[in-house]
N, C-alpha and C. Protein backbone atom coordinates (compact mmCIF):
# COMPACT_ATOMS: atom_id res chain seq x y z
N MET A 1 29.16 75.74 174.24
CA MET A 1 30.34 76.31 174.89
C MET A 1 30.81 77.52 174.10
N ILE A 2 31.12 78.59 174.82
CA ILE A 2 31.66 79.79 174.18
C ILE A 2 33.19 79.67 174.21
N LEU A 3 33.78 79.76 173.02
CA LEU A 3 35.25 79.67 172.93
C LEU A 3 35.83 81.07 173.13
N ARG A 4 36.38 81.31 174.31
CA ARG A 4 36.94 82.62 174.60
C ARG A 4 38.41 82.70 174.21
N SER A 5 39.12 81.58 174.34
CA SER A 5 40.53 81.58 173.94
C SER A 5 40.97 80.19 173.50
N ILE A 6 41.78 80.18 172.46
CA ILE A 6 42.36 78.94 171.91
C ILE A 6 43.84 79.21 171.75
N GLU A 7 44.65 78.37 172.40
CA GLU A 7 46.08 78.62 172.40
C GLU A 7 46.86 77.35 172.12
N PHE A 8 47.74 77.36 171.13
CA PHE A 8 48.62 76.21 170.93
C PHE A 8 49.67 76.27 172.04
N ILE A 9 49.82 75.17 172.78
CA ILE A 9 50.75 75.17 173.91
C ILE A 9 52.07 74.50 173.58
N THR A 10 52.01 73.26 173.10
CA THR A 10 53.26 72.56 172.82
C THR A 10 53.03 71.33 171.95
N SER A 11 54.11 70.87 171.33
CA SER A 11 54.13 69.58 170.65
C SER A 11 55.03 68.68 171.48
N ALA A 12 54.56 67.48 171.75
CA ALA A 12 55.30 66.60 172.66
C ALA A 12 55.65 65.27 172.01
N VAL A 13 56.73 64.69 172.50
CA VAL A 13 57.13 63.35 172.07
C VAL A 13 57.13 62.42 173.28
N LYS A 14 57.50 62.98 174.44
CA LYS A 14 57.58 62.14 175.65
C LYS A 14 56.96 62.86 176.85
N VAL A 15 56.78 62.11 177.92
CA VAL A 15 56.10 62.61 179.13
C VAL A 15 56.66 63.93 179.60
N THR A 16 57.98 64.09 179.57
CA THR A 16 58.59 65.32 180.09
C THR A 16 58.23 66.54 179.25
N ASP A 17 57.70 66.33 178.04
CA ASP A 17 57.29 67.45 177.18
C ASP A 17 55.85 67.90 177.46
N TYR A 18 55.06 67.08 178.20
CA TYR A 18 53.65 67.40 178.39
C TYR A 18 53.50 68.63 179.30
N PRO A 19 52.39 69.35 179.18
CA PRO A 19 52.13 70.44 180.14
C PRO A 19 52.12 69.86 181.55
N GLU A 20 52.63 70.63 182.51
CA GLU A 20 52.78 70.10 183.86
C GLU A 20 51.55 70.29 184.73
N ASP A 21 50.61 71.13 184.29
CA ASP A 21 49.40 71.31 185.10
C ASP A 21 48.53 70.06 185.02
N LYS A 22 47.51 70.03 185.82
CA LYS A 22 46.64 68.83 185.86
C LYS A 22 45.28 69.12 185.20
N LEU A 23 45.26 70.02 184.23
CA LEU A 23 43.99 70.34 183.57
C LEU A 23 43.48 69.14 182.78
N PRO A 24 42.15 68.97 182.73
CA PRO A 24 41.60 67.85 181.97
C PRO A 24 41.95 67.94 180.49
N GLN A 25 42.02 66.76 179.87
CA GLN A 25 42.38 66.71 178.45
C GLN A 25 41.32 65.94 177.67
N ILE A 26 41.00 66.47 176.51
CA ILE A 26 40.10 65.81 175.57
C ILE A 26 41.00 65.33 174.43
N VAL A 27 41.13 64.02 174.28
CA VAL A 27 42.07 63.49 173.28
C VAL A 27 41.32 63.05 172.02
N PHE A 28 41.89 63.41 170.87
CA PHE A 28 41.30 63.05 169.57
C PHE A 28 42.17 61.99 168.91
N ALA A 29 41.55 60.86 168.58
CA ALA A 29 42.25 59.77 167.94
C ALA A 29 41.49 59.37 166.68
N GLY A 30 42.22 58.82 165.72
CA GLY A 30 41.57 58.36 164.50
C GLY A 30 42.58 57.91 163.47
N ARG A 31 42.09 57.19 162.50
CA ARG A 31 42.93 56.74 161.39
C ARG A 31 43.56 57.95 160.69
N SER A 32 44.70 57.74 160.06
CA SER A 32 45.43 58.83 159.44
C SER A 32 44.62 59.63 158.41
N ASN A 33 43.69 58.98 157.73
CA ASN A 33 42.96 59.68 156.67
C ASN A 33 41.52 60.03 157.06
N VAL A 34 41.27 60.11 158.38
CA VAL A 34 39.89 60.33 158.84
C VAL A 34 39.49 61.81 158.81
N GLY A 35 40.49 62.70 158.65
CA GLY A 35 40.19 64.13 158.64
C GLY A 35 40.25 64.76 160.02
N LYS A 36 41.19 64.27 160.85
CA LYS A 36 41.27 64.73 162.25
C LYS A 36 41.62 66.21 162.35
N SER A 37 42.64 66.64 161.61
CA SER A 37 43.04 68.05 161.67
C SER A 37 41.91 68.96 161.17
N SER A 38 41.28 68.56 160.09
CA SER A 38 40.15 69.36 159.56
C SER A 38 39.02 69.42 160.58
N PHE A 39 38.76 68.30 161.25
CA PHE A 39 37.72 68.25 162.28
C PHE A 39 38.05 69.22 163.42
N ILE A 40 39.29 69.17 163.91
CA ILE A 40 39.69 70.05 165.03
C ILE A 40 39.56 71.51 164.63
N ASN A 41 40.07 71.86 163.44
CA ASN A 41 39.94 73.25 162.96
C ASN A 41 38.48 73.66 162.87
N SER A 42 37.64 72.75 162.40
CA SER A 42 36.23 73.04 162.18
C SER A 42 35.49 73.26 163.50
N ILE A 43 35.68 72.38 164.48
CA ILE A 43 34.95 72.59 165.73
C ILE A 43 35.47 73.81 166.50
N LEU A 44 36.76 74.14 166.29
CA LEU A 44 37.31 75.33 166.94
C LEU A 44 36.98 76.60 166.15
N ASN A 45 36.48 76.41 164.94
CA ASN A 45 36.11 77.54 164.09
C ASN A 45 37.32 78.40 163.71
N VAL A 46 38.45 77.73 163.48
CA VAL A 46 39.66 78.44 163.05
C VAL A 46 40.19 77.74 161.80
N LYS A 47 41.04 78.45 161.06
CA LYS A 47 41.49 77.86 159.79
C LYS A 47 42.58 76.81 159.94
N ASN A 48 43.69 77.17 160.58
CA ASN A 48 44.82 76.25 160.54
C ASN A 48 45.54 76.03 161.85
N ILE A 49 44.79 75.90 162.95
CA ILE A 49 45.50 75.66 164.22
C ILE A 49 46.06 74.23 164.21
N ALA A 50 45.28 73.29 163.67
CA ALA A 50 45.79 71.93 163.45
C ALA A 50 46.17 71.84 161.98
N ARG A 51 47.39 71.41 161.70
CA ARG A 51 47.87 71.43 160.31
C ARG A 51 47.19 70.38 159.46
N VAL A 52 46.58 70.83 158.37
CA VAL A 52 45.90 69.93 157.44
C VAL A 52 46.84 69.68 156.28
N SER A 53 46.93 68.41 155.89
CA SER A 53 47.82 68.06 154.79
C SER A 53 47.09 67.21 153.76
N GLN A 54 47.57 67.27 152.54
CA GLN A 54 47.02 66.40 151.50
C GLN A 54 47.52 64.97 151.71
N THR A 55 48.59 64.83 152.47
CA THR A 55 49.15 63.51 152.73
C THR A 55 48.71 63.04 154.11
N PRO A 56 47.94 61.94 154.19
CA PRO A 56 47.53 61.45 155.50
C PRO A 56 48.73 61.09 156.36
N GLY A 57 48.57 61.22 157.68
CA GLY A 57 49.63 60.81 158.59
C GLY A 57 50.68 61.86 158.85
N LYS A 58 50.35 63.13 158.62
CA LYS A 58 51.33 64.20 158.81
C LYS A 58 51.55 64.55 160.27
N THR A 59 50.56 64.31 161.14
CA THR A 59 50.75 64.62 162.56
C THR A 59 51.70 63.58 163.15
N ARG A 60 52.90 64.03 163.51
CA ARG A 60 53.89 63.09 164.03
C ARG A 60 54.18 63.32 165.51
N LEU A 61 53.52 64.35 166.07
CA LEU A 61 53.75 64.71 167.47
C LEU A 61 52.40 64.77 168.18
N ILE A 62 52.45 64.83 169.50
CA ILE A 62 51.22 65.01 170.28
C ILE A 62 51.08 66.51 170.51
N ASN A 63 50.00 67.09 169.97
CA ASN A 63 49.82 68.55 170.03
C ASN A 63 48.77 68.94 171.06
N PHE A 64 49.13 69.89 171.92
CA PHE A 64 48.26 70.34 173.00
C PHE A 64 47.75 71.76 172.70
N PHE A 65 46.43 71.91 172.72
CA PHE A 65 45.80 73.22 172.53
C PHE A 65 44.99 73.54 173.78
N MET A 66 45.27 74.70 174.41
CA MET A 66 44.51 75.05 175.61
C MET A 66 43.27 75.84 175.22
N ILE A 67 42.14 75.43 175.77
CA ILE A 67 40.85 76.06 175.48
C ILE A 67 40.35 76.79 176.73
N ASN A 68 40.08 78.08 176.56
CA ASN A 68 39.51 78.91 177.65
C ASN A 68 40.31 78.83 178.95
N LYS A 69 41.57 78.47 178.84
CA LYS A 69 42.45 78.31 180.01
C LYS A 69 41.90 77.30 181.02
N GLU A 70 41.01 76.41 180.55
CA GLU A 70 40.34 75.44 181.43
C GLU A 70 40.72 73.99 181.14
N PHE A 71 40.98 73.68 179.88
CA PHE A 71 41.26 72.29 179.51
C PHE A 71 42.02 72.26 178.18
N TYR A 72 42.53 71.06 177.84
CA TYR A 72 43.27 70.89 176.59
C TYR A 72 42.49 70.04 175.59
N LEU A 73 42.63 70.40 174.32
CA LEU A 73 42.31 69.47 173.25
C LEU A 73 43.66 68.89 172.85
N VAL A 74 43.74 67.58 172.70
CA VAL A 74 45.01 66.94 172.39
C VAL A 74 44.86 66.12 171.11
N ASP A 75 45.71 66.44 170.16
CA ASP A 75 45.70 65.78 168.84
C ASP A 75 46.86 64.80 168.83
N ILE A 76 46.53 63.48 168.79
CA ILE A 76 47.61 62.48 168.75
C ILE A 76 47.78 62.00 167.31
N PRO A 77 48.95 61.46 166.96
CA PRO A 77 49.17 61.02 165.58
C PRO A 77 48.14 60.00 165.13
N GLY A 78 47.73 60.11 163.87
CA GLY A 78 46.80 59.15 163.29
C GLY A 78 47.45 57.78 163.24
N TYR A 79 46.63 56.76 163.27
CA TYR A 79 47.17 55.39 163.23
C TYR A 79 46.80 54.71 161.91
N GLY A 80 47.53 53.64 161.62
CA GLY A 80 47.16 52.78 160.51
C GLY A 80 47.62 53.23 159.13
N TYR A 81 48.48 54.25 159.07
CA TYR A 81 48.92 54.69 157.74
C TYR A 81 50.15 53.92 157.32
N ALA A 82 50.10 53.31 156.17
CA ALA A 82 51.15 52.37 155.75
C ALA A 82 52.42 53.04 155.23
N ASN A 83 52.36 54.34 154.91
CA ASN A 83 53.48 54.99 154.23
C ASN A 83 54.57 55.48 155.18
N VAL A 84 54.78 54.75 156.27
CA VAL A 84 55.90 55.04 157.16
C VAL A 84 56.60 53.72 157.46
N SER A 85 57.85 53.79 157.84
CA SER A 85 58.61 52.56 158.10
C SER A 85 58.06 51.85 159.33
N LYS A 86 58.37 50.56 159.41
CA LYS A 86 57.96 49.73 160.56
C LYS A 86 58.49 50.35 161.86
N GLN A 87 59.73 50.83 161.78
CA GLN A 87 60.38 51.44 162.95
C GLN A 87 59.62 52.68 163.42
N GLU A 88 59.19 53.51 162.46
CA GLU A 88 58.42 54.71 162.80
C GLU A 88 57.07 54.35 163.40
N LEU A 89 56.43 53.31 162.85
CA LEU A 89 55.14 52.86 163.39
C LEU A 89 55.28 52.43 164.84
N ILE A 90 56.34 51.73 165.14
CA ILE A 90 56.59 51.28 166.52
C ILE A 90 56.79 52.50 167.42
N LYS A 91 57.56 53.47 166.92
CA LYS A 91 57.83 54.70 167.67
C LYS A 91 56.52 55.46 167.97
N PHE A 92 55.66 55.57 166.94
CA PHE A 92 54.35 56.23 167.12
C PHE A 92 53.54 55.51 168.18
N ALA A 93 53.48 54.17 168.06
CA ALA A 93 52.67 53.36 169.00
C ALA A 93 53.15 53.56 170.43
N GLU A 94 54.47 53.56 170.62
CA GLU A 94 55.03 53.76 171.97
C GLU A 94 54.71 55.15 172.49
N MET A 95 54.82 56.15 171.61
CA MET A 95 54.55 57.54 172.01
C MET A 95 53.07 57.69 172.43
N ILE A 96 52.17 57.09 171.65
CA ILE A 96 50.73 57.18 171.96
C ILE A 96 50.41 56.42 173.25
N ASP A 97 50.97 55.21 173.39
CA ASP A 97 50.76 54.42 174.62
C ASP A 97 51.20 55.20 175.85
N GLU A 98 52.39 55.80 175.75
CA GLU A 98 52.93 56.56 176.88
C GLU A 98 52.02 57.73 177.22
N TYR A 99 51.53 58.42 176.18
CA TYR A 99 50.63 59.55 176.42
C TYR A 99 49.34 59.07 177.11
N LEU A 100 48.71 58.05 176.56
CA LEU A 100 47.43 57.58 177.10
C LEU A 100 47.55 57.08 178.53
N ALA A 101 48.72 56.53 178.87
CA ALA A 101 48.93 56.00 180.22
C ALA A 101 49.31 57.07 181.24
N ASN A 102 49.71 58.25 180.77
CA ASN A 102 50.26 59.26 181.70
C ASN A 102 49.56 60.62 181.61
N SER A 103 48.29 60.63 181.27
CA SER A 103 47.63 61.92 181.08
C SER A 103 46.30 61.99 181.83
N HIS A 104 45.80 63.20 181.93
CA HIS A 104 44.55 63.45 182.67
C HIS A 104 43.40 63.54 181.66
N ILE A 105 43.00 62.38 181.14
CA ILE A 105 42.04 62.36 180.05
C ILE A 105 40.61 62.34 180.57
N ALA A 106 39.85 63.37 180.22
CA ALA A 106 38.45 63.47 180.62
C ALA A 106 37.54 62.81 179.59
N LEU A 107 37.99 62.79 178.33
CA LEU A 107 37.17 62.22 177.26
C LEU A 107 38.06 61.80 176.10
N GLY A 108 37.81 60.60 175.59
CA GLY A 108 38.48 60.13 174.38
C GLY A 108 37.50 60.27 173.23
N VAL A 109 37.89 61.04 172.23
CA VAL A 109 37.04 61.21 171.04
C VAL A 109 37.66 60.39 169.91
N LEU A 110 36.93 59.36 169.51
CA LEU A 110 37.40 58.50 168.42
C LEU A 110 36.69 58.91 167.14
N LEU A 111 37.49 59.33 166.16
CA LEU A 111 36.93 59.76 164.87
C LEU A 111 36.97 58.60 163.89
N LEU A 112 35.83 58.33 163.28
CA LEU A 112 35.73 57.30 162.25
C LEU A 112 35.10 57.92 161.01
N ASP A 113 35.54 57.49 159.85
CA ASP A 113 34.96 57.95 158.59
C ASP A 113 33.65 57.18 158.40
N ILE A 114 32.54 57.91 158.31
CA ILE A 114 31.22 57.27 158.22
C ILE A 114 31.11 56.35 157.00
N ARG A 115 31.93 56.59 155.98
CA ARG A 115 31.82 55.80 154.74
C ARG A 115 32.55 54.46 154.85
N ARG A 116 33.33 54.26 155.92
CA ARG A 116 34.14 53.05 156.05
C ARG A 116 33.70 52.22 157.26
N ILE A 117 33.78 50.94 157.12
CA ILE A 117 33.54 50.04 158.26
C ILE A 117 34.82 50.06 159.10
N PRO A 118 34.71 50.18 160.43
CA PRO A 118 35.92 50.22 161.26
C PRO A 118 36.83 49.01 160.99
N ASN A 119 38.15 49.28 160.90
CA ASN A 119 39.09 48.19 160.66
C ASN A 119 39.72 47.77 161.99
N GLU A 120 40.70 46.86 161.91
CA GLU A 120 41.33 46.33 163.13
C GLU A 120 41.95 47.44 163.99
N ASP A 121 42.58 48.43 163.34
CA ASP A 121 43.20 49.53 164.09
C ASP A 121 42.14 50.34 164.85
N ASP A 122 41.00 50.60 164.19
CA ASP A 122 39.91 51.33 164.85
C ASP A 122 39.40 50.55 166.06
N LEU A 123 39.22 49.24 165.87
CA LEU A 123 38.72 48.40 166.96
C LEU A 123 39.71 48.37 168.12
N LEU A 124 41.01 48.31 167.80
CA LEU A 124 42.03 48.31 168.84
C LEU A 124 41.96 49.59 169.67
N MET A 125 41.87 50.73 168.98
CA MET A 125 41.82 52.02 169.67
C MET A 125 40.54 52.13 170.52
N TYR A 126 39.42 51.74 169.94
CA TYR A 126 38.15 51.80 170.66
C TYR A 126 38.19 50.92 171.91
N ASN A 127 38.68 49.69 171.75
CA ASN A 127 38.74 48.77 172.88
C ASN A 127 39.74 49.23 173.94
N TYR A 128 40.82 49.87 173.49
CA TYR A 128 41.79 50.42 174.43
C TYR A 128 41.12 51.50 175.29
N PHE A 129 40.42 52.42 174.64
CA PHE A 129 39.70 53.48 175.37
C PHE A 129 38.77 52.87 176.41
N LYS A 130 38.03 51.83 176.01
CA LYS A 130 37.07 51.20 176.92
C LYS A 130 37.78 50.49 178.07
N GLN A 131 38.85 49.76 177.74
CA GLN A 131 39.56 48.98 178.77
C GLN A 131 40.16 49.87 179.86
N VAL A 132 40.70 51.03 179.44
CA VAL A 132 41.31 51.90 180.46
C VAL A 132 40.27 52.80 181.12
N GLY A 133 39.02 52.65 180.69
CA GLY A 133 37.92 53.34 181.38
C GLY A 133 37.71 54.78 180.96
N PHE A 134 38.23 55.18 179.79
CA PHE A 134 37.97 56.55 179.33
C PHE A 134 36.50 56.68 178.93
N ASN A 135 35.90 57.81 179.27
CA ASN A 135 34.63 58.15 178.64
C ASN A 135 34.94 58.31 177.16
N THR A 136 34.12 57.72 176.31
CA THR A 136 34.42 57.72 174.88
C THR A 136 33.27 58.29 174.08
N LEU A 137 33.62 59.16 173.15
CA LEU A 137 32.66 59.72 172.21
C LEU A 137 33.09 59.31 170.81
N ILE A 138 32.18 58.72 170.06
CA ILE A 138 32.51 58.34 168.68
C ILE A 138 31.88 59.36 167.74
N VAL A 139 32.73 59.97 166.93
CA VAL A 139 32.27 60.96 165.95
C VAL A 139 32.53 60.40 164.56
N LEU A 140 31.48 60.36 163.76
CA LEU A 140 31.59 59.86 162.38
C LEU A 140 31.75 61.06 161.45
N THR A 141 32.94 61.19 160.89
CA THR A 141 33.26 62.35 160.05
C THR A 141 32.77 62.13 158.60
N LYS A 142 32.84 63.23 157.84
CA LYS A 142 32.52 63.22 156.40
C LYS A 142 31.06 62.86 156.12
N ALA A 143 30.18 63.25 157.07
CA ALA A 143 28.77 62.89 156.97
C ALA A 143 28.08 63.52 155.76
N ASP A 144 28.62 64.63 155.25
CA ASP A 144 28.00 65.29 154.10
C ASP A 144 28.18 64.48 152.81
N LYS A 145 29.04 63.47 152.85
CA LYS A 145 29.31 62.68 151.64
C LYS A 145 28.23 61.62 151.38
N LEU A 146 27.33 61.43 152.36
CA LEU A 146 26.29 60.39 152.21
C LEU A 146 24.89 60.98 152.30
N SER A 147 23.94 60.30 151.67
CA SER A 147 22.53 60.69 151.78
C SER A 147 22.02 60.23 153.15
N SER A 148 20.84 60.69 153.54
CA SER A 148 20.26 60.29 154.85
C SER A 148 20.11 58.78 154.95
N ASN A 149 19.64 58.15 153.87
CA ASN A 149 19.46 56.69 153.88
C ASN A 149 20.80 55.97 154.04
N GLN A 150 21.80 56.44 153.29
CA GLN A 150 23.13 55.82 153.37
C GLN A 150 23.70 55.99 154.78
N LYS A 151 23.48 57.17 155.37
CA LYS A 151 23.95 57.44 156.73
C LYS A 151 23.39 56.43 157.72
N GLN A 152 22.07 56.22 157.65
CA GLN A 152 21.41 55.29 158.57
C GLN A 152 21.96 53.88 158.41
N LYS A 153 22.18 53.49 157.17
CA LYS A 153 22.72 52.16 156.87
C LYS A 153 24.12 52.01 157.47
N GLN A 154 24.97 53.03 157.26
CA GLN A 154 26.34 52.99 157.78
C GLN A 154 26.38 53.01 159.30
N LEU A 155 25.51 53.82 159.92
CA LEU A 155 25.44 53.87 161.39
C LEU A 155 25.18 52.48 161.94
N LYS A 156 24.24 51.77 161.33
CA LYS A 156 23.88 50.42 161.76
C LYS A 156 25.08 49.48 161.62
N LEU A 157 25.76 49.52 160.47
CA LEU A 157 26.90 48.64 160.21
C LEU A 157 28.06 48.93 161.18
N ILE A 158 28.32 50.21 161.43
CA ILE A 158 29.42 50.60 162.32
C ILE A 158 29.12 50.16 163.76
N LYS A 159 27.87 50.36 164.20
CA LYS A 159 27.48 49.92 165.55
C LYS A 159 27.66 48.42 165.71
N GLU A 160 27.27 47.68 164.67
CA GLU A 160 27.41 46.21 164.71
C GLU A 160 28.89 45.82 164.79
N LYS A 161 29.72 46.49 164.01
CA LYS A 161 31.15 46.17 163.99
C LYS A 161 31.80 46.46 165.34
N LEU A 162 31.43 47.58 165.94
CA LEU A 162 32.00 47.95 167.24
C LEU A 162 31.31 47.23 168.40
N GLN A 163 30.19 46.59 168.09
CA GLN A 163 29.36 45.91 169.09
C GLN A 163 28.96 46.84 170.22
N ILE A 164 28.36 47.96 169.81
CA ILE A 164 27.93 48.93 170.81
C ILE A 164 26.49 49.35 170.56
N GLY A 165 25.87 49.78 171.63
CA GLY A 165 24.53 50.32 171.51
C GLY A 165 24.58 51.82 171.75
N GLU A 166 25.78 52.30 172.15
CA GLU A 166 25.86 53.71 172.55
C GLU A 166 25.76 54.65 171.35
N HIS A 167 25.53 55.88 171.70
CA HIS A 167 25.27 56.91 170.70
C HIS A 167 26.54 57.29 169.94
N MET A 168 26.37 57.50 168.65
CA MET A 168 27.46 58.02 167.83
C MET A 168 26.96 59.31 167.20
N ILE A 169 27.87 60.25 166.98
CA ILE A 169 27.48 61.55 166.43
C ILE A 169 28.08 61.71 165.04
N THR A 170 27.26 62.13 164.10
CA THR A 170 27.77 62.39 162.75
C THR A 170 28.25 63.85 162.69
N TYR A 171 29.27 64.08 161.85
CA TYR A 171 29.81 65.44 161.71
C TYR A 171 30.31 65.67 160.29
N SER A 172 30.17 66.92 159.86
CA SER A 172 30.70 67.33 158.56
C SER A 172 31.40 68.66 158.73
N THR A 173 32.62 68.76 158.22
CA THR A 173 33.33 70.04 158.29
C THR A 173 32.68 71.05 157.35
N GLN A 174 31.92 70.57 156.38
CA GLN A 174 31.24 71.47 155.44
C GLN A 174 30.02 72.13 156.08
N THR A 175 29.17 71.31 156.72
CA THR A 175 27.90 71.83 157.26
C THR A 175 27.97 72.12 158.76
N LYS A 176 29.01 71.56 159.42
CA LYS A 176 29.18 71.67 160.88
C LYS A 176 27.99 71.08 161.64
N GLU A 177 27.34 70.08 161.03
CA GLU A 177 26.22 69.44 161.73
C GLU A 177 26.69 68.84 163.04
N ASN A 178 25.91 69.05 164.08
CA ASN A 178 26.15 68.51 165.43
C ASN A 178 27.35 69.13 166.16
N ARG A 179 27.87 70.26 165.66
CA ARG A 179 29.00 70.91 166.34
C ARG A 179 28.64 71.28 167.78
N ASP A 180 27.44 71.88 167.97
CA ASP A 180 27.01 72.28 169.32
C ASP A 180 26.88 71.08 170.26
N LYS A 181 26.37 70.00 169.71
CA LYS A 181 26.18 68.78 170.50
C LYS A 181 27.53 68.23 170.97
N ILE A 182 28.52 68.26 170.08
CA ILE A 182 29.87 67.77 170.43
C ILE A 182 30.45 68.63 171.55
N TRP A 183 30.31 69.97 171.43
CA TRP A 183 30.83 70.86 172.47
C TRP A 183 30.11 70.65 173.80
N GLU A 184 28.82 70.35 173.73
CA GLU A 184 28.03 70.07 174.94
C GLU A 184 28.63 68.88 175.68
N LEU A 185 28.95 67.83 174.93
CA LEU A 185 29.51 66.61 175.53
C LEU A 185 30.93 66.84 176.05
N ILE A 186 31.70 67.65 175.33
CA ILE A 186 33.05 67.99 175.80
C ILE A 186 32.96 68.78 177.11
N GLN A 187 32.06 69.76 177.13
CA GLN A 187 31.89 70.60 178.32
C GLN A 187 31.47 69.75 179.53
N LYS A 188 30.56 68.83 179.30
CA LYS A 188 30.09 67.94 180.37
C LYS A 188 31.25 67.10 180.92
N ALA A 189 32.09 66.58 180.01
CA ALA A 189 33.23 65.76 180.43
C ALA A 189 34.22 66.59 181.25
N VAL A 190 34.44 67.83 180.82
CA VAL A 190 35.36 68.72 181.54
C VAL A 190 34.79 69.04 182.92
N GLU A 191 33.51 69.37 182.99
CA GLU A 191 32.88 69.70 184.27
C GLU A 191 32.91 68.51 185.22
N ASN A 192 32.62 67.31 184.71
CA ASN A 192 32.66 66.10 185.55
C ASN A 192 34.05 65.88 186.11
N ASN A 193 35.07 66.25 185.33
CA ASN A 193 36.45 66.09 185.75
C ASN A 193 36.79 66.99 186.92
N TYR A 194 36.12 68.15 186.97
CA TYR A 194 36.41 69.13 188.04
C TYR A 194 35.63 68.81 189.33
N GLU A 195 34.62 67.93 189.22
CA GLU A 195 33.78 67.64 190.41
C GLU A 195 34.52 66.84 191.45
């Protein structure tokens, strides 16, 4: 996919804040420390459109980025980070639930750290995507941190934990491995949405 334009549109907390058009949305979900902002910046080939922080869990809003005036990339708050109050966690969960239930999602991209076995929060998010019928792409981040042998071993363990046979894609913000493949799948999801 050729990126002709990338535009930050809005940060939202509730349905009334979302863009009103019916353009397809590609939603990115993942644990707070999975490197979601770095991943978004990397695949968009820009430095700081998604804010990267040394402190996990900094994304507190739902951020909409319009791509080529055709579809949105949507960055939702990371889940599972313990350094927020119980009340804030509930607020985040409600905000994410409301977004997922009221949006035009063409593809759910679940980011997992290849070095970690998916935890309960990851499984909840993955199963939620499946239950509501979202097309789901699993991207394993931080792939440059492991050797080829370690990668294969982790892929097997993660597939077993998620109980899936479907394809997972490895990615590294350092090497940008599989960036084209990810865009291919995003483009396909967007095109299917327009059919």
